[in-house]
Structure formats: C-alpha cells, structure tokens
Amino acid sequence: MRRKPAGRLRQIADAAVTVLSRQGYRLTQMADVARECGLSAGALYGYVESKEAMLHLALAHAFGMALDEATLPYRIASPEEPLNLLKREIKRAAVWPVLSERMRDGIRLRPDDLSLVAGELFDVMHGRRRSVWLLDRCAQDIPEIAALYVKQVKARYLDDLAAFLAAGQAQGLFHRDLDPAIAARALLEMIAWLAMHRLRDALPLPADEDQVRRAAVSLVTHAVSASTGRAVNASSANRPGRRRQA
C-alpha cells in the first residue's frame, strides 16, 4: 500500500476551511475541496470519509486543534460530532479577559479602558479570523451552528459591550447621545472589517497590521469618548449658517 504523504491531511483541512468559508456547507461538495487542494475526488475519500467528517475536520483545523494522521480516512462517530466539537471549542475560545474584568460589579472604569477593550477585540478577531469566517458562512446553512455561534457568542459579546458602554456613560467617560446597543454593534462591525474582512476585500488596504490596529483603536476611542463628543457637538453648533445664541 502506498504511504500517504505527511501533512496532507492538514492541507486538506486548510482547503476545507477555505471552501466552506466561501461557499457554505450546503453548496460545498467533496469534489470542491479536492479541487482546492489538488486531489481527485476519489483520492480525497482516502483521507476524509464523508462531508460531515470534512466539516468536523475544518472546524478542528480552524480552532487550532492537532490533527491525527495516524488513522485515515478521517471519520466521525456520528453526524452530531461537528456540533459537539463546536460546543466545546466555543466555550474554550469565547473568552474576553479585558472586557470581563471591566464588567465586574462596582468597578470604576478608567479613561483608557475603551482602548484596551477595542484592542482586545481587534486581536481576537484578527487571530481567529478563519474560524470566524467559517462559522459566519456555515451559520447561514446550519441552524444549529447559528444558535451556538450567533446567539451564544456574538449576541452575548454585544450585550456585554453595550453594558460596558452604558457603564462608561453613567460614569461620564463616554458621551451620552449614543445608544449603547447601536454603538456596540457599530464598533464591532468597524473593528471586524479592519481586523479581518479587509484581508478578503477586493480593494486592498495599503497598511501594515500595527498601523491598522492603531487606527481601529483610535477610531473607536474618538467615536465614543465624552471629550470628543463635546468637541463634535460644539463644532456642529458653530457650523456656517447656524445662528449663535446671544
């Protein structure tokens, strides 16, 4: 029997993440993944037993789990295994130490806390971008993934971020004319684009990661801070054509 090349399963897993993130689970066929990694469809089945196993393999790879190439083809015990893996990994990965620390009962926020929270969000989204892309796309096809990922991760984070912004407003750090829930969603989407979606955009952004990170944190800070809000309001009040009060 011909020995399978070392590292091939990892190449297949990488291709599976790419294809599933682009096409979603429903439209992806085993032949699409085979084509992406330069194999025939028949050869691919020697490495991965089924489409369900392919999804499990892609999730494991996207979350940085070690892949066992000793026993091939890669198989799973039941069709529920991808969701079971996702439940475990979401619980492990969906941790926000900086934001969680700032949300402790009775804590007094500091002026630089917003930049720390924004930096944490940027770093997590940039570092885990392939798993985010994969889950975002597959959640459109698989309701169970949507329930786990969208409701338990994205919605929970947005709730915590909105509560953080509301606390900052109450303490006079963030300007009060922003609805916390709307602001939380706007900040999340802005940082998501800068941290990861720009890397797949048709119009490249000519900047290195440090520049982009600094810009993301600065934009968030200036958008929300109370001092900036007062400056913006004053500027609006003095626009040409607006009569100043005597």
Protein backbone atom coordinates (compact mmCIF):
# COMPACT_ATOMS: atom_id res chain seq x y z
CA MET A 1 0.00 0.00 0.00
CA ARG A 2 1.31 3.43 -0.95
CA ARG A 3 2.11 5.55 2.08
CA LYS A 4 0.16 8.80 2.31
CA PRO A 5 2.32 11.97 2.32
CA ALA A 6 2.88 13.52 5.72
CA GLY A 7 0.98 16.74 6.23
CA ARG A 8 -1.58 16.03 3.53
CA LEU A 9 -4.49 15.90 5.97
CA ARG A 10 -3.56 19.36 7.20
CA GLN A 11 -3.53 20.61 3.60
CA ILE A 12 -6.98 19.12 3.08
CA ALA A 13 -8.24 20.72 6.30
CA ASP A 14 -6.90 24.08 5.17
CA ALA A 15 -8.64 23.71 1.81
CA ALA A 16 -11.87 22.69 3.55
CA VAL A 17 -11.82 25.83 5.70
CA THR A 18 -11.25 27.96 2.59
CA VAL A 19 -14.02 26.36 0.52
CA LEU A 20 -16.59 26.17 3.33
CA SER A 21 -15.92 29.80 4.26
CA ARG A 22 -16.52 30.81 0.65
CA GLN A 23 -19.44 28.56 -0.36
CA GLY A 24 -21.03 27.44 2.89
CA TYR A 25 -21.88 23.89 3.89
CA ARG A 26 -24.91 23.34 1.68
CA LEU A 27 -23.20 24.22 -1.62
CA THR A 28 -19.83 22.62 -0.88
CA GLN A 29 -19.15 19.20 -2.37
CA MET A 30 -16.25 16.90 -1.61
CA ALA A 31 -15.07 17.49 -5.17
CA ASP A 32 -14.75 21.22 -4.45
CA VAL A 33 -12.37 20.57 -1.58
CA ALA A 34 -10.45 18.02 -3.64
CA ARG A 35 -10.02 20.58 -6.42
CA GLU A 36 -8.86 23.23 -3.95
CA CYS A 37 -6.03 21.03 -2.67
CA GLY A 38 -5.11 19.40 -5.99
CA LEU A 39 -6.52 15.92 -5.41
CA SER A 40 -9.03 13.82 -7.28
CA ALA A 41 -12.37 13.29 -5.55
CA GLY A 42 -11.59 9.59 -5.25
CA ALA A 43 -8.25 10.27 -3.59
CA LEU A 44 -9.89 12.65 -1.14
CA TYR A 45 -12.08 9.87 0.25
CA GLY A 46 -8.90 8.08 1.23
CA TYR A 47 -8.27 10.93 3.66
CA VAL A 48 -11.76 12.02 4.73
CA GLU A 49 -14.69 9.63 4.93
CA SER A 50 -17.66 11.95 4.39
CA LYS A 51 -18.88 15.52 4.06
CA GLU A 52 -19.85 15.55 7.77
CA ALA A 53 -16.32 14.44 8.63
CA MET A 54 -14.99 17.21 6.36
CA LEU A 55 -16.92 19.81 8.36
CA HIS A 56 -15.55 18.36 11.60
CA LEU A 57 -12.04 18.44 10.16
CA ALA A 58 -12.43 22.06 9.05
CA LEU A 59 -13.71 23.15 12.46
CA ALA A 60 -10.90 21.34 14.25
CA HIS A 61 -8.30 22.95 12.00
CA ALA A 62 -9.84 26.43 12.24
CA PHE A 63 -9.76 26.22 16.04
CA GLY A 64 -6.12 25.15 16.01
CA MET A 65 -6.59 21.57 17.15
CA ALA A 66 -3.97 18.92 16.37
CA LEU A 67 -4.95 16.58 13.53
CA ASP A 68 -4.26 12.86 13.89
CA GLU A 69 -2.93 11.46 10.61
CA ALA A 70 -2.17 8.04 12.03
CA THR A 71 -5.61 6.63 11.24
CA LEU A 72 -7.08 7.52 7.87
CA PRO A 73 -9.59 8.18 6.47
CA TYR A 74 -10.64 10.85 8.95
CA ARG A 75 -14.04 9.84 10.30
CA ILE A 76 -16.52 10.80 12.98
CA ALA A 77 -18.71 8.63 15.17
CA SER A 78 -21.98 10.41 14.35
CA PRO A 79 -23.28 13.39 12.33
CA GLU A 80 -23.62 15.33 15.61
CA GLU A 81 -19.87 15.33 16.23
CA PRO A 82 -19.19 18.68 14.45
CA LEU A 83 -21.70 20.40 16.73
CA ASN A 84 -20.28 18.68 19.81
CA LEU A 85 -16.81 19.92 18.84
CA LEU A 86 -18.16 23.41 18.29
CA LYS A 87 -19.82 23.47 21.71
CA ARG A 88 -16.52 22.55 23.37
CA GLU A 89 -14.38 24.97 21.39
CA ILE A 90 -16.75 27.92 21.68
CA LYS A 91 -16.77 27.53 25.45
CA ARG A 92 -12.97 27.49 25.45
CA ALA A 93 -12.39 30.23 22.87
CA ALA A 94 -15.12 32.76 23.66
CA VAL A 95 -13.19 34.39 26.49
CA TRP A 96 -12.69 38.15 26.77
CA PRO A 97 -10.45 38.79 29.81
CA VAL A 98 -10.17 42.57 29.40
CA LEU A 99 -13.88 43.20 28.85
CA SER A 100 -14.86 40.72 31.57
CA GLU A 101 -12.55 42.43 34.08
CA ARG A 102 -14.10 45.81 33.29
CA MET A 103 -17.59 44.40 33.82
CA ARG A 104 -17.05 43.28 37.43
CA ASP A 105 -19.59 44.66 39.88
CA GLY A 106 -18.67 48.02 41.36
CA ILE A 107 -15.56 48.61 39.27
CA ARG A 108 -14.68 52.18 38.38
CA LEU A 109 -13.75 52.46 34.70
CA ARG A 110 -10.59 54.28 33.66
CA PRO A 111 -10.24 56.62 30.63
CA ASP A 112 -8.02 54.14 28.78
CA ASP A 113 -10.31 51.13 29.29
CA LEU A 114 -12.09 51.67 25.98
CA SER A 115 -8.82 51.45 24.04
CA LEU A 116 -7.93 48.25 25.91
CA VAL A 117 -11.30 46.68 25.11
CA ALA A 118 -11.04 47.73 21.46
CA GLY A 119 -7.51 46.35 21.23
CA GLU A 120 -8.60 43.03 22.70
CA LEU A 121 -11.45 42.76 20.19
CA PHE A 122 -9.09 43.54 17.29
CA ASP A 123 -6.52 40.98 18.42
CA VAL A 124 -9.07 38.20 18.94
CA MET A 125 -10.84 38.78 15.64
CA HIS A 126 -7.58 39.03 13.71
CA GLY A 127 -6.10 35.95 15.32
CA ARG A 128 -9.24 33.83 14.94
CA ARG A 129 -10.39 35.24 11.61
CA ARG A 130 -10.50 31.90 9.80
CA SER A 131 -12.76 30.34 12.40
CA VAL A 132 -14.98 33.45 12.32
CA TRP A 133 -15.24 33.35 8.53
CA LEU A 134 -16.05 29.65 8.65
CA LEU A 135 -18.73 30.00 11.31
CA ASP A 136 -20.25 33.13 9.77
CA ARG A 137 -20.77 31.34 6.46
CA CYS A 138 -21.83 27.93 7.77
CA ALA A 139 -24.28 29.51 10.21
CA GLN A 140 -26.29 30.58 7.15
CA ASP A 141 -26.83 26.92 6.23
CA ILE A 142 -26.87 25.11 9.57
CA PRO A 143 -29.34 26.45 12.16
CA GLU A 144 -27.60 24.61 14.99
CA ILE A 145 -24.36 26.48 14.25
CA ALA A 146 -26.26 29.75 14.11
CA ALA A 147 -27.80 29.04 17.51
CA LEU A 148 -24.43 28.21 19.06
CA TYR A 149 -22.28 30.84 17.43
CA VAL A 150 -24.56 33.79 16.71
CA LYS A 151 -26.65 33.63 19.87
CA GLN A 152 -24.07 32.39 22.39
CA VAL A 153 -21.00 34.25 21.15
CA LYS A 154 -21.87 37.30 19.04
CA ALA A 155 -25.07 38.26 20.83
CA ARG A 156 -23.54 37.74 24.26
CA TYR A 157 -20.48 39.80 23.39
CA LEU A 158 -22.64 42.61 22.02
CA ASP A 159 -24.69 42.62 25.22
CA ASP A 160 -21.53 42.83 27.33
CA LEU A 161 -20.04 45.57 25.15
CA ALA A 162 -23.28 47.57 25.32
CA ALA A 163 -23.31 47.21 29.11
CA PHE A 164 -19.68 48.41 29.23
CA LEU A 165 -20.56 51.46 27.13
CA ALA A 166 -23.59 52.21 29.30
CA ALA A 167 -21.42 52.00 32.42
CA GLY A 168 -18.93 54.40 30.84
CA GLN A 169 -21.74 56.80 30.03
CA ALA A 170 -23.01 56.68 33.61
CA GLN A 171 -19.50 57.48 34.85
CA GLY A 172 -19.09 60.38 32.42
CA LEU A 173 -16.39 58.75 30.26
CA PHE A 174 -18.45 58.23 27.10
CA HIS A 175 -20.77 60.79 25.58
CA ARG A 176 -24.41 60.23 26.35
CA ASP A 177 -26.08 60.79 22.98
CA LEU A 178 -25.12 57.28 21.79
CA ASP A 179 -27.48 54.36 22.26
CA PRO A 180 -25.21 51.69 23.84
CA ALA A 181 -26.64 48.80 21.79
CA ILE A 182 -26.29 50.67 18.49
CA ALA A 183 -22.80 51.89 19.40
CA ALA A 184 -21.72 48.36 20.41
CA ARG A 185 -22.82 46.94 17.06
CA ALA A 186 -21.18 49.77 15.12
CA LEU A 187 -17.88 49.34 16.98
CA LEU A 188 -17.94 45.56 16.49
CA GLU A 189 -18.53 45.85 12.75
CA MET A 190 -15.87 48.53 12.28
CA ILE A 191 -13.24 46.55 14.12
CA ALA A 192 -14.30 43.33 12.37
CA TRP A 193 -13.66 44.91 8.97
CA LEU A 194 -10.30 46.33 9.96
CA ALA A 195 -9.17 43.21 11.84
CA MET A 196 -10.15 40.59 9.28
CA HIS A 197 -12.64 41.37 6.50
CA ARG A 198 -10.28 43.84 4.82
CA LEU A 199 -7.94 40.91 4.17
CA ARG A 200 -10.52 39.49 1.74
CA ASP A 201 -11.65 42.80 0.30
CA ALA A 202 -11.28 43.46 -3.43
CA LEU A 203 -9.67 46.82 -2.65
CA PRO A 204 -6.53 46.19 -0.57
CA LEU A 205 -5.67 48.49 2.31
CA PRO A 206 -2.02 49.63 1.98
CA ALA A 207 -1.04 49.45 5.66
CA ASP A 208 0.67 47.00 7.98
CA GLU A 209 -1.06 45.31 10.92
CA ASP A 210 0.31 47.69 13.56
CA GLN A 211 -0.95 50.70 11.62
CA VAL A 212 -4.38 49.15 11.14
CA ARG A 213 -4.65 48.16 14.80
CA ARG A 214 -3.71 51.64 15.98
CA ALA A 215 -6.25 53.16 13.60
CA ALA A 216 -9.02 50.83 14.81
CA VAL A 217 -8.38 51.63 18.47
CA SER A 218 -8.09 55.35 17.78
CA LEU A 219 -11.32 55.46 15.76
CA VAL A 220 -13.24 53.65 18.48
CA THR A 221 -11.84 55.87 21.21
CA HIS A 222 -12.61 59.10 19.36
CA ALA A 223 -16.08 57.92 18.38
CA VAL A 224 -17.17 57.21 21.94
CA SER A 225 -15.17 59.32 24.39
CA ALA A 226 -17.05 62.09 26.15
CA SER A 227 -14.44 64.75 25.37
CA THR A 228 -14.66 64.01 21.64
CA GLY A 229 -18.42 64.06 21.79
CA ARG A 230 -18.41 67.52 23.33
CA ALA A 231 -15.98 68.75 20.68
CA VAL A 232 -18.14 67.38 17.88
CA ASN A 233 -21.28 68.94 19.33
CA ALA A 234 -19.57 72.30 19.68
CA SER A 235 -18.31 72.12 16.11
CA SER A 236 -21.81 71.31 14.85
CA ALA A 237 -23.28 74.21 16.78
CA ASN A 238 -20.86 76.63 15.12
CA ARG A 239 -21.25 75.49 11.51
CA PRO A 240 -21.72 78.27 8.93
CA GLY A 241 -25.35 79.21 8.54
CA ARG A 242 -26.31 78.36 12.15
CA ARG A 243 -27.18 81.42 14.26
CA ARG A 244 -25.31 81.52 17.54
CA GLN A 245 -27.16 82.36 20.70
CA ALA A 246 -26.55 85.87 22.01
